Amino acid sequence: MQYLRSFLPWIAVSILIGSLDVRLALGAGLVAAVALIGYQRAVGRSWDAQVVEISAALFFGVATAVACAMPDSAFVEDYASAGSSLWLATTAWGSLAVGRPFTVGIARTSVPSEHWHTPLFLSVNKVITAVWAAAFTVTGAGSALLHHYQPDSSGARTALTIVGIALPILFTIRYPDIARSRFVAARRTAATPQDHAQ
């Protein structure tokens, strides 16, 4: 649920674009992102647990300014959805490149602090962040290609966006347990020869 809340501004904008003026839709995303950051800070959520929200505020701030500067251009409206996914992909890949997977801060809100610096915790978050980054990349590129070659494919683009968020959420929920089970099994296997030797 934490991941879904982080993406609320992005989800709201993807719903509003097409039914509202693009400037209003992007502005609503900016307001939602800033409000979400403010609320989460008020309840004690750390900055590193809000990478997606901060990224949203930056993206929607820039996109709203561009849309207001080019009110007669259809480009921003046509490619805002693809651009937002590619922006998120850049955020995710960038967090991996600097060695601070964006999921670490989010995971720390639900994982006991004694696990935060273990190799398993970092490894799990690297994998989860890479899955999110790949999903954002595929969603953004796919959305841009669909719009370019099939301009009337808004249903397909919406479905791609939903799948591009739903699959990583499901993976994020399930993968930590899978990784822990594998880790425990590997430790048992490694310990077995020693037990027999004794």
N, C-alpha and C. Protein backbone atom coordinates (compact mmCIF):
# COMPACT_ATOMS: atom_id res chain seq x y z
N MET A 1 0.82 -1.20 0.00
CA MET A 1 0.00 0.00 0.00
C MET A 1 0.86 1.26 0.00
N GLN A 2 2.05 1.19 0.64
CA GLN A 2 2.93 2.36 0.67
C GLN A 2 3.35 2.78 -0.73
N TYR A 3 3.63 1.79 -1.59
CA TYR A 3 4.04 2.11 -2.95
C TYR A 3 2.90 2.76 -3.71
N LEU A 4 1.70 2.25 -3.53
CA LEU A 4 0.54 2.81 -4.22
C LEU A 4 0.33 4.26 -3.80
N ARG A 5 0.48 4.56 -2.52
CA ARG A 5 0.32 5.94 -2.04
C ARG A 5 1.37 6.84 -2.68
N SER A 6 2.60 6.35 -2.82
CA SER A 6 3.66 7.14 -3.43
C SER A 6 3.33 7.54 -4.86
N PHE A 7 2.58 6.69 -5.55
CA PHE A 7 2.27 6.93 -6.95
C PHE A 7 0.94 7.65 -7.17
N LEU A 8 0.26 8.06 -6.09
CA LEU A 8 -1.04 8.72 -6.25
C LEU A 8 -1.00 9.95 -7.16
N PRO A 9 0.01 10.84 -7.04
CA PRO A 9 0.03 11.97 -7.97
C PRO A 9 0.13 11.55 -9.43
N TRP A 10 0.94 10.53 -9.69
CA TRP A 10 1.12 10.04 -11.07
C TRP A 10 -0.19 9.42 -11.57
N ILE A 11 -0.84 8.65 -10.72
CA ILE A 11 -2.10 8.00 -11.10
C ILE A 11 -3.17 9.06 -11.36
N ALA A 12 -3.23 10.07 -10.48
CA ALA A 12 -4.23 11.13 -10.65
C ALA A 12 -4.05 11.85 -11.97
N VAL A 13 -2.82 12.17 -12.31
CA VAL A 13 -2.57 12.89 -13.57
C VAL A 13 -2.91 12.02 -14.77
N SER A 14 -2.57 10.73 -14.71
CA SER A 14 -2.88 9.86 -15.86
C SER A 14 -4.39 9.74 -16.07
N ILE A 15 -5.17 9.86 -14.98
CA ILE A 15 -6.63 9.83 -15.11
C ILE A 15 -7.15 11.17 -15.64
N LEU A 16 -6.55 12.27 -15.16
CA LEU A 16 -7.06 13.61 -15.51
C LEU A 16 -6.68 14.06 -16.91
N ILE A 17 -5.51 13.63 -17.40
CA ILE A 17 -5.09 14.05 -18.75
C ILE A 17 -6.07 13.48 -19.77
N GLY A 18 -6.55 14.35 -20.60
CA GLY A 18 -7.54 13.95 -21.60
C GLY A 18 -8.94 14.41 -21.23
N SER A 19 -9.21 14.50 -19.92
CA SER A 19 -10.52 14.97 -19.50
C SER A 19 -10.46 16.41 -18.99
N LEU A 20 -9.26 16.90 -18.65
CA LEU A 20 -9.05 18.29 -18.23
C LEU A 20 -8.00 18.92 -19.12
N ASP A 21 -7.94 20.22 -19.10
CA ASP A 21 -6.83 20.93 -19.74
C ASP A 21 -5.53 20.39 -19.15
N VAL A 22 -4.56 20.14 -20.01
CA VAL A 22 -3.31 19.50 -19.56
C VAL A 22 -2.62 20.32 -18.47
N ARG A 23 -2.73 21.65 -18.53
CA ARG A 23 -2.11 22.49 -17.51
C ARG A 23 -2.75 22.25 -16.14
N LEU A 24 -4.07 22.09 -16.15
CA LEU A 24 -4.77 21.80 -14.89
C LEU A 24 -4.42 20.41 -14.37
N ALA A 25 -4.35 19.44 -15.28
CA ALA A 25 -4.04 18.07 -14.88
C ALA A 25 -2.64 17.99 -14.27
N LEU A 26 -1.66 18.61 -14.94
CA LEU A 26 -0.29 18.59 -14.44
C LEU A 26 -0.17 19.40 -13.15
N GLY A 27 -0.88 20.52 -13.09
CA GLY A 27 -0.89 21.32 -11.87
C GLY A 27 -1.48 20.55 -10.70
N ALA A 28 -2.53 19.77 -10.97
CA ALA A 28 -3.12 18.93 -9.92
C ALA A 28 -2.12 17.90 -9.43
N GLY A 29 -1.33 17.35 -10.35
CA GLY A 29 -0.28 16.41 -9.96
C GLY A 29 0.76 17.06 -9.07
N LEU A 30 1.13 18.30 -9.42
CA LEU A 30 2.10 19.04 -8.60
C LEU A 30 1.54 19.29 -7.20
N VAL A 31 0.30 19.76 -7.12
CA VAL A 31 -0.32 20.01 -5.82
C VAL A 31 -0.42 18.72 -5.01
N ALA A 32 -0.83 17.63 -5.67
CA ALA A 32 -0.95 16.34 -4.97
C ALA A 32 0.40 15.87 -4.44
N ALA A 33 1.45 16.03 -5.26
CA ALA A 33 2.78 15.58 -4.84
C ALA A 33 3.28 16.40 -3.64
N VAL A 34 3.12 17.72 -3.72
CA VAL A 34 3.58 18.58 -2.62
C VAL A 34 2.77 18.30 -1.35
N ALA A 35 1.45 18.12 -1.50
CA ALA A 35 0.61 17.82 -0.34
C ALA A 35 1.00 16.48 0.28
N LEU A 36 1.29 15.50 -0.56
CA LEU A 36 1.68 14.18 -0.06
C LEU A 36 3.00 14.26 0.70
N ILE A 37 3.96 15.00 0.14
CA ILE A 37 5.25 15.19 0.82
C ILE A 37 5.03 15.86 2.17
N GLY A 38 4.23 16.93 2.17
CA GLY A 38 3.96 17.66 3.42
C GLY A 38 3.30 16.78 4.46
N TYR A 39 2.31 16.00 4.03
CA TYR A 39 1.62 15.11 4.97
C TYR A 39 2.57 14.07 5.53
N GLN A 40 3.36 13.46 4.66
CA GLN A 40 4.25 12.39 5.11
C GLN A 40 5.37 12.92 6.01
N ARG A 41 5.83 14.12 5.74
CA ARG A 41 6.82 14.72 6.64
C ARG A 41 6.19 15.00 8.00
N ALA A 42 4.93 15.44 7.98
CA ALA A 42 4.24 15.75 9.24
C ALA A 42 4.06 14.52 10.11
N VAL A 43 3.91 13.36 9.48
CA VAL A 43 3.74 12.13 10.27
C VAL A 43 5.07 11.41 10.50
N GLY A 44 6.19 12.07 10.13
CA GLY A 44 7.51 11.55 10.46
C GLY A 44 8.20 10.72 9.40
N ARG A 45 7.69 10.72 8.19
CA ARG A 45 8.35 9.92 7.15
C ARG A 45 9.60 10.65 6.66
N SER A 46 10.70 9.93 6.59
CA SER A 46 11.98 10.54 6.22
C SER A 46 12.03 10.91 4.74
N TRP A 47 12.98 11.79 4.40
CA TRP A 47 13.13 12.23 3.01
C TRP A 47 13.47 11.06 2.10
N ASP A 48 14.33 10.13 2.57
CA ASP A 48 14.75 9.03 1.69
C ASP A 48 13.63 8.03 1.42
N ALA A 49 12.54 8.13 2.18
CA ALA A 49 11.36 7.28 1.91
C ALA A 49 10.39 7.96 0.96
N GLN A 50 10.76 9.15 0.46
CA GLN A 50 9.87 9.91 -0.41
C GLN A 50 10.50 10.27 -1.75
N VAL A 51 11.39 9.44 -2.23
CA VAL A 51 12.06 9.71 -3.49
C VAL A 51 11.05 9.84 -4.63
N VAL A 52 10.06 8.93 -4.67
CA VAL A 52 9.06 8.96 -5.74
C VAL A 52 8.23 10.25 -5.65
N GLU A 53 7.85 10.64 -4.45
CA GLU A 53 7.04 11.84 -4.27
C GLU A 53 7.83 13.11 -4.65
N ILE A 54 9.10 13.16 -4.25
CA ILE A 54 9.94 14.31 -4.60
C ILE A 54 10.15 14.36 -6.11
N SER A 55 10.38 13.19 -6.70
CA SER A 55 10.53 13.12 -8.15
C SER A 55 9.26 13.60 -8.84
N ALA A 56 8.10 13.25 -8.28
CA ALA A 56 6.82 13.69 -8.85
C ALA A 56 6.70 15.20 -8.79
N ALA A 57 7.04 15.79 -7.65
CA ALA A 57 6.95 17.24 -7.51
C ALA A 57 7.84 17.95 -8.52
N LEU A 58 9.06 17.44 -8.71
CA LEU A 58 9.97 18.04 -9.69
C LEU A 58 9.42 17.90 -11.11
N PHE A 59 8.98 16.68 -11.44
CA PHE A 59 8.47 16.45 -12.79
C PHE A 59 7.25 17.32 -13.09
N PHE A 60 6.26 17.28 -12.18
CA PHE A 60 5.04 18.03 -12.45
C PHE A 60 5.26 19.53 -12.39
N GLY A 61 6.23 19.97 -11.60
CA GLY A 61 6.58 21.39 -11.61
C GLY A 61 7.11 21.83 -12.96
N VAL A 62 8.06 21.07 -13.49
CA VAL A 62 8.64 21.38 -14.80
C VAL A 62 7.60 21.22 -15.91
N ALA A 63 6.86 20.11 -15.88
CA ALA A 63 5.87 19.84 -16.93
C ALA A 63 4.76 20.90 -16.94
N THR A 64 4.33 21.34 -15.76
CA THR A 64 3.30 22.38 -15.68
C THR A 64 3.82 23.69 -16.26
N ALA A 65 5.07 24.03 -15.94
CA ALA A 65 5.68 25.26 -16.48
C ALA A 65 5.78 25.19 -18.00
N VAL A 66 6.20 24.04 -18.52
CA VAL A 66 6.31 23.88 -19.98
C VAL A 66 4.94 23.96 -20.63
N ALA A 67 3.95 23.30 -20.03
CA ALA A 67 2.59 23.33 -20.59
C ALA A 67 2.03 24.75 -20.59
N CYS A 68 2.32 25.53 -19.55
CA CYS A 68 1.84 26.92 -19.50
C CYS A 68 2.58 27.80 -20.50
N ALA A 69 3.85 27.50 -20.73
CA ALA A 69 4.64 28.28 -21.69
C ALA A 69 4.27 27.95 -23.13
N MET A 70 3.72 26.74 -23.36
CA MET A 70 3.34 26.31 -24.72
C MET A 70 1.88 25.89 -24.73
N PRO A 71 0.95 26.81 -24.45
CA PRO A 71 -0.45 26.41 -24.30
C PRO A 71 -1.11 25.87 -25.57
N ASP A 72 -0.56 26.23 -26.71
CA ASP A 72 -1.17 25.78 -27.97
C ASP A 72 -0.51 24.52 -28.53
N SER A 73 0.47 24.00 -27.83
CA SER A 73 1.16 22.81 -28.31
C SER A 73 0.51 21.55 -27.74
N ALA A 74 0.29 20.58 -28.60
CA ALA A 74 -0.30 19.31 -28.15
C ALA A 74 0.78 18.35 -27.64
N PHE A 75 2.04 18.72 -27.82
CA PHE A 75 3.13 17.80 -27.48
C PHE A 75 3.10 17.38 -26.02
N VAL A 76 2.94 18.38 -25.12
CA VAL A 76 2.97 18.06 -23.68
C VAL A 76 1.85 17.09 -23.33
N GLU A 77 0.64 17.37 -23.81
CA GLU A 77 -0.48 16.47 -23.51
C GLU A 77 -0.28 15.10 -24.12
N ASP A 78 0.22 15.08 -25.36
CA ASP A 78 0.40 13.81 -26.06
C ASP A 78 1.44 12.90 -25.40
N TYR A 79 2.48 13.52 -24.86
CA TYR A 79 3.58 12.70 -24.35
C TYR A 79 3.82 12.84 -22.84
N ALA A 80 2.90 13.47 -22.13
CA ALA A 80 3.07 13.63 -20.68
C ALA A 80 3.13 12.29 -19.96
N SER A 81 2.27 11.37 -20.35
CA SER A 81 2.24 10.06 -19.70
C SER A 81 3.55 9.30 -19.94
N ALA A 82 3.98 9.27 -21.20
CA ALA A 82 5.25 8.60 -21.52
C ALA A 82 6.41 9.29 -20.81
N GLY A 83 6.39 10.62 -20.82
CA GLY A 83 7.46 11.38 -20.18
C GLY A 83 7.53 11.13 -18.69
N SER A 84 6.36 11.00 -18.04
CA SER A 84 6.36 10.76 -16.59
C SER A 84 6.96 9.40 -16.27
N SER A 85 6.65 8.39 -17.08
CA SER A 85 7.22 7.06 -16.85
C SER A 85 8.72 7.06 -17.08
N LEU A 86 9.17 7.75 -18.13
CA LEU A 86 10.60 7.81 -18.41
C LEU A 86 11.34 8.62 -17.34
N TRP A 87 10.68 9.63 -16.79
CA TRP A 87 11.25 10.40 -15.68
C TRP A 87 11.44 9.47 -14.47
N LEU A 88 10.42 8.68 -14.17
CA LEU A 88 10.52 7.73 -13.06
C LEU A 88 11.60 6.69 -13.32
N ALA A 89 11.72 6.27 -14.57
CA ALA A 89 12.79 5.31 -14.93
C ALA A 89 14.15 5.93 -14.64
N THR A 90 14.31 7.19 -15.02
CA THR A 90 15.58 7.89 -14.77
C THR A 90 15.84 8.00 -13.27
N THR A 91 14.79 8.30 -12.51
CA THR A 91 14.93 8.37 -11.05
C THR A 91 15.39 7.03 -10.49
N ALA A 92 14.73 5.95 -10.92
CA ALA A 92 15.06 4.62 -10.40
C ALA A 92 16.45 4.16 -10.83
N TRP A 93 16.76 4.28 -12.13
CA TRP A 93 18.09 3.88 -12.60
C TRP A 93 19.17 4.74 -11.93
N GLY A 94 18.89 6.04 -11.78
CA GLY A 94 19.85 6.93 -11.14
C GLY A 94 20.12 6.55 -9.70
N SER A 95 19.06 6.15 -8.98
CA SER A 95 19.25 5.74 -7.58
C SER A 95 20.11 4.48 -7.49
N LEU A 96 19.97 3.60 -8.46
CA LEU A 96 20.83 2.41 -8.50
C LEU A 96 22.26 2.79 -8.83
N ALA A 97 22.43 3.71 -9.77
CA ALA A 97 23.77 4.11 -10.21
C ALA A 97 24.57 4.74 -9.07
N VAL A 98 23.90 5.47 -8.19
CA VAL A 98 24.62 6.10 -7.07
C VAL A 98 24.66 5.20 -5.83
N GLY A 99 24.15 3.98 -5.96
CA GLY A 99 24.22 3.02 -4.87
C GLY A 99 23.20 3.24 -3.76
N ARG A 100 22.13 3.98 -4.06
CA ARG A 100 21.08 4.22 -3.06
C ARG A 100 19.72 3.90 -3.68
N PRO A 101 19.40 2.61 -3.85
CA PRO A 101 18.12 2.24 -4.48
C PRO A 101 16.96 2.96 -3.81
N PHE A 102 16.08 3.53 -4.63
CA PHE A 102 15.00 4.35 -4.06
C PHE A 102 14.07 3.57 -3.15
N THR A 103 14.04 2.26 -3.28
CA THR A 103 13.14 1.45 -2.44
C THR A 103 13.66 1.27 -1.01
N VAL A 104 14.94 1.57 -0.77
CA VAL A 104 15.51 1.37 0.56
C VAL A 104 14.76 2.20 1.60
N GLY A 105 14.56 3.48 1.32
CA GLY A 105 13.87 4.34 2.27
C GLY A 105 12.46 3.88 2.56
N ILE A 106 11.77 3.41 1.52
CA ILE A 106 10.41 2.92 1.69
C ILE A 106 10.42 1.64 2.52
N ALA A 107 11.35 0.74 2.21
CA ALA A 107 11.44 -0.54 2.92
C ALA A 107 11.75 -0.32 4.40
N ARG A 108 12.53 0.69 4.71
CA ARG A 108 12.90 0.94 6.11
C ARG A 108 11.69 1.31 6.97
N THR A 109 10.61 1.75 6.34
CA THR A 109 9.42 2.10 7.11
C THR A 109 8.70 0.86 7.63
N SER A 110 9.02 -0.32 7.09
CA SER A 110 8.32 -1.53 7.53
C SER A 110 9.25 -2.67 7.92
N VAL A 111 10.57 -2.44 7.85
CA VAL A 111 11.55 -3.47 8.20
C VAL A 111 12.29 -3.03 9.46
N PRO A 112 12.46 -3.92 10.43
CA PRO A 112 13.18 -3.55 11.66
C PRO A 112 14.58 -3.01 11.36
N SER A 113 15.02 -2.03 12.14
CA SER A 113 16.28 -1.33 11.87
C SER A 113 17.51 -2.24 11.90
N GLU A 114 17.44 -3.36 12.62
CA GLU A 114 18.60 -4.25 12.67
C GLU A 114 18.89 -4.91 11.32
N HIS A 115 17.95 -4.85 10.40
CA HIS A 115 18.15 -5.46 9.07
C HIS A 115 18.60 -4.45 8.02
N TRP A 116 18.58 -3.16 8.34
CA TRP A 116 18.80 -2.12 7.34
C TRP A 116 20.16 -2.17 6.66
N HIS A 117 21.17 -2.66 7.35
CA HIS A 117 22.52 -2.62 6.80
C HIS A 117 23.04 -4.00 6.43
N THR A 118 22.14 -4.98 6.38
CA THR A 118 22.57 -6.34 6.01
C THR A 118 22.69 -6.46 4.50
N PRO A 119 23.57 -7.32 4.03
CA PRO A 119 23.71 -7.53 2.58
C PRO A 119 22.40 -7.98 1.94
N LEU A 120 21.63 -8.81 2.65
CA LEU A 120 20.36 -9.31 2.10
C LEU A 120 19.39 -8.15 1.86
N PHE A 121 19.27 -7.25 2.81
CA PHE A 121 18.36 -6.11 2.68
C PHE A 121 18.73 -5.26 1.47
N LEU A 122 20.01 -4.95 1.33
CA LEU A 122 20.46 -4.13 0.20
C LEU A 122 20.26 -4.87 -1.12
N SER A 123 20.58 -6.16 -1.13
CA SER A 123 20.42 -6.96 -2.34
C SER A 123 18.96 -7.01 -2.79
N VAL A 124 18.06 -7.24 -1.85
CA VAL A 124 16.63 -7.29 -2.16
C VAL A 124 16.18 -5.96 -2.75
N ASN A 125 16.63 -4.87 -2.16
CA ASN A 125 16.21 -3.55 -2.65
C ASN A 125 16.82 -3.20 -4.00
N LYS A 126 18.02 -3.68 -4.26
CA LYS A 126 18.60 -3.47 -5.60
C LYS A 126 17.75 -4.17 -6.66
N VAL A 127 17.36 -5.41 -6.37
CA VAL A 127 16.54 -6.16 -7.33
C VAL A 127 15.18 -5.49 -7.52
N ILE A 128 14.54 -5.12 -6.42
CA ILE A 128 13.22 -4.49 -6.51
C ILE A 128 13.30 -3.17 -7.27
N THR A 129 14.31 -2.37 -6.97
CA THR A 129 14.48 -1.10 -7.68
C THR A 129 14.72 -1.33 -9.17
N ALA A 130 15.51 -2.35 -9.51
CA ALA A 130 15.77 -2.65 -10.92
C ALA A 130 14.48 -3.07 -11.63
N VAL A 131 13.62 -3.82 -10.94
CA VAL A 131 12.34 -4.22 -11.54
C VAL A 131 11.47 -2.98 -11.79
N TRP A 132 11.40 -2.08 -10.80
CA TRP A 132 10.65 -0.84 -11.00
C TRP A 132 11.23 -0.03 -12.16
N ALA A 133 12.56 0.09 -12.19
CA ALA A 133 13.21 0.87 -13.25
C ALA A 133 12.89 0.28 -14.63
N ALA A 134 12.96 -1.04 -14.74
CA ALA A 134 12.65 -1.70 -16.03
C ALA A 134 11.19 -1.48 -16.40
N ALA A 135 10.29 -1.60 -15.41
CA ALA A 135 8.86 -1.39 -15.69
C ALA A 135 8.59 0.03 -16.15
N PHE A 136 9.22 1.02 -15.50
CA PHE A 136 9.03 2.41 -15.91
C PHE A 136 9.56 2.63 -17.33
N THR A 137 10.71 2.02 -17.62
CA THR A 137 11.32 2.17 -18.95
C THR A 137 10.42 1.60 -20.03
N VAL A 138 9.94 0.38 -19.80
CA VAL A 138 9.06 -0.28 -20.78
C VAL A 138 7.75 0.50 -20.93
N THR A 139 7.18 0.94 -19.81
CA THR A 139 5.93 1.68 -19.85
C THR A 139 6.09 3.00 -20.60
N GLY A 140 7.16 3.73 -20.30
CA GLY A 140 7.39 5.02 -20.96
C GLY A 140 7.65 4.87 -22.44
N ALA A 141 8.56 3.97 -22.78
CA ALA A 141 8.89 3.76 -24.20
C ALA A 141 7.68 3.21 -24.94
N GLY A 142 6.99 2.25 -24.33
CA GLY A 142 5.80 1.66 -24.97
C GLY A 142 4.71 2.68 -25.19
N SER A 143 4.48 3.53 -24.21
CA SER A 143 3.46 4.57 -24.32
C SER A 143 3.80 5.56 -25.43
N ALA A 144 5.07 5.96 -25.49
CA ALA A 144 5.49 6.90 -26.54
C ALA A 144 5.33 6.27 -27.93
N LEU A 145 5.73 5.01 -28.06
CA LEU A 145 5.61 4.33 -29.36
C LEU A 145 4.15 4.13 -29.75
N LEU A 146 3.33 3.74 -28.78
CA LEU A 146 1.90 3.57 -29.06
C LEU A 146 1.28 4.88 -29.53
N HIS A 147 1.63 5.97 -28.82
CA HIS A 147 1.04 7.26 -29.22
C HIS A 147 1.53 7.68 -30.61
N HIS A 148 2.80 7.43 -30.89
CA HIS A 148 3.36 7.83 -32.19
C HIS A 148 2.75 7.04 -33.34
N TYR A 149 2.65 5.72 -33.16
CA TYR A 149 2.18 4.87 -34.26
C TYR A 149 0.68 4.62 -34.23
N GLN A 150 0.07 4.71 -33.06
CA GLN A 150 -1.37 4.50 -32.91
C GLN A 150 -1.95 5.61 -32.03
N PRO A 151 -2.10 6.82 -32.57
CA PRO A 151 -2.51 7.95 -31.74
C PRO A 151 -3.84 7.75 -31.00
N ASP A 152 -4.69 6.87 -31.50
CA ASP A 152 -5.99 6.65 -30.85
C ASP A 152 -5.96 5.48 -29.86
N SER A 153 -4.78 5.11 -29.42
CA SER A 153 -4.64 3.92 -28.56
C SER A 153 -4.62 4.29 -27.09
N SER A 154 -5.44 5.24 -26.67
CA SER A 154 -5.41 5.67 -25.27
C SER A 154 -5.76 4.53 -24.32
N GLY A 155 -6.65 3.64 -24.71
CA GLY A 155 -7.00 2.49 -23.87
C GLY A 155 -5.80 1.58 -23.66
N ALA A 156 -5.06 1.33 -24.72
CA ALA A 156 -3.87 0.47 -24.63
C ALA A 156 -2.80 1.14 -23.78
N ARG A 157 -2.64 2.45 -23.91
CA ARG A 157 -1.65 3.17 -23.11
C ARG A 157 -2.03 3.16 -21.63
N THR A 158 -3.32 3.31 -21.35
CA THR A 158 -3.78 3.25 -19.96
C THR A 158 -3.54 1.86 -19.38
N ALA A 159 -3.85 0.82 -20.16
CA ALA A 159 -3.63 -0.55 -19.70
C ALA A 159 -2.14 -0.80 -19.45
N LEU A 160 -1.29 -0.29 -20.33
CA LEU A 160 0.15 -0.45 -20.16
C LEU A 160 0.62 0.23 -18.87
N THR A 161 0.09 1.42 -18.59
CA THR A 161 0.45 2.14 -17.37
C THR A 161 0.02 1.37 -16.13
N ILE A 162 -1.20 0.83 -16.16
CA ILE A 162 -1.71 0.06 -15.01
C ILE A 162 -0.85 -1.18 -14.78
N VAL A 163 -0.55 -1.91 -15.85
CA VAL A 163 0.29 -3.11 -15.73
C VAL A 163 1.69 -2.72 -15.26
N GLY A 164 2.19 -1.57 -15.77
CA GLY A 164 3.53 -1.10 -15.41
C GLY A 164 3.67 -0.71 -13.95
N ILE A 165 2.56 -0.50 -13.27
CA ILE A 165 2.59 -0.23 -11.83
C ILE A 165 2.20 -1.48 -11.04
N ALA A 166 1.19 -2.19 -11.53
CA ALA A 166 0.68 -3.36 -10.79
C ALA A 166 1.72 -4.48 -10.67
N LEU A 167 2.40 -4.79 -11.77
CA LEU A 167 3.38 -5.90 -11.71
C LEU A 167 4.53 -5.62 -10.74
N PRO A 168 5.14 -4.43 -10.79
CA PRO A 168 6.20 -4.17 -9.80
C PRO A 168 5.69 -4.16 -8.36
N ILE A 169 4.45 -3.70 -8.13
CA ILE A 169 3.90 -3.75 -6.78
C ILE A 169 3.80 -5.20 -6.31
N LEU A 170 3.25 -6.07 -7.17
CA LEU A 170 3.14 -7.48 -6.80
C LEU A 170 4.52 -8.10 -6.55
N PHE A 171 5.48 -7.75 -7.41
CA PHE A 171 6.84 -8.26 -7.24
C PHE A 171 7.43 -7.78 -5.91
N THR A 172 7.20 -6.50 -5.61
CA THR A 172 7.72 -5.91 -4.37
C THR A 172 7.13 -6.59 -3.14
N ILE A 173 5.87 -6.97 -3.22
CA ILE A 173 5.22 -7.64 -2.09
C ILE A 173 5.78 -9.05 -1.90
N ARG A 174 6.01 -9.77 -3.00
CA ARG A 174 6.38 -11.18 -2.90
C ARG A 174 7.88 -11.45 -2.82
N TYR A 175 8.68 -10.63 -3.50
CA TYR A 175 10.10 -10.96 -3.63
C TYR A 175 10.88 -11.01 -2.30
N PRO A 176 10.64 -10.10 -1.35
CA PRO A 176 11.42 -10.19 -0.10
C PRO A 176 11.28 -11.55 0.60
N ASP A 177 10.08 -12.12 0.62
CA ASP A 177 9.90 -13.43 1.24
C ASP A 177 10.64 -14.52 0.46
N ILE A 178 10.59 -14.42 -0.85
CA ILE A 178 11.30 -15.40 -1.70
C ILE A 178 12.80 -15.31 -1.45
N ALA A 179 13.32 -14.07 -1.43
CA ALA A 179 14.76 -13.87 -1.21
C ALA A 179 15.19 -14.36 0.17
N ARG A 180 14.36 -14.10 1.19
CA ARG A 180 14.67 -14.57 2.54
C ARG A 180 14.70 -16.09 2.59
N SER A 181 13.71 -16.72 1.95
CA SER A 181 13.66 -18.19 1.94
C SER A 181 14.90 -18.78 1.27
N ARG A 182 15.31 -18.18 0.17
CA ARG A 182 16.52 -18.65 -0.52
C ARG A 182 17.75 -18.47 0.34
N PHE A 183 17.81 -17.33 1.03
CA PHE A 183 18.95 -17.03 1.90
C PHE A 183 19.04 -18.05 3.03
N VAL A 184 17.91 -18.32 3.67
CA VAL A 184 17.87 -19.30 4.77
C VAL A 184 18.25 -20.68 4.27
N ALA A 185 17.71 -21.07 3.10
CA ALA A 185 18.02 -22.38 2.53
C ALA A 185 19.50 -22.49 2.21
N ALA A 186 20.10 -21.42 1.67
CA ALA A 186 21.53 -21.45 1.34
C ALA A 186 22.38 -21.57 2.61
N ARG A 187 21.97 -20.91 3.68
CA ARG A 187 22.71 -21.01 4.94
C ARG A 187 22.62 -22.42 5.52
N ARG A 188 21.44 -23.02 5.40
CA ARG A 188 21.27 -24.39 5.90
C ARG A 188 22.15 -25.35 5.11
N THR A 189 22.17 -25.16 3.79
CA THR A 189 22.97 -26.02 2.92
C THR A 189 24.45 -25.87 3.25
N ALA A 190 24.87 -24.63 3.48
CA ALA A 190 26.28 -24.38 3.81
C ALA A 190 26.65 -24.96 5.17
N ALA A 191 25.68 -24.98 6.08
CA ALA A 191 25.96 -25.48 7.43
C ALA A 191 25.91 -27.00 7.52
N THR A 192 25.24 -27.65 6.60
CA THR A 192 25.04 -29.10 6.65
C THR A 192 26.34 -29.88 6.66
N PRO A 193 27.34 -29.62 5.78
CA PRO A 193 28.59 -30.39 5.84
C PRO A 193 29.30 -30.27 7.17
N GLN A 194 29.26 -29.07 7.78
CA GLN A 194 29.91 -28.88 9.08
C GLN A 194 29.21 -29.72 10.15
N ASP A 195 27.88 -29.77 10.09
CA ASP A 195 27.14 -30.55 11.07
C ASP A 195 27.52 -32.04 10.96
N HIS A 196 27.64 -32.51 9.71
CA HIS A 196 28.01 -33.92 9.52
C HIS A 196 29.44 -34.17 10.01
N ALA A 197 30.31 -33.19 9.80
CA ALA A 197 31.71 -33.37 10.20
C ALA A 197 31.83 -33.48 11.71
N GLN A 198 30.94 -32.81 12.44
CA GLN A 198 30.98 -32.89 13.89
C GLN A 198 30.36 -34.22 14.34
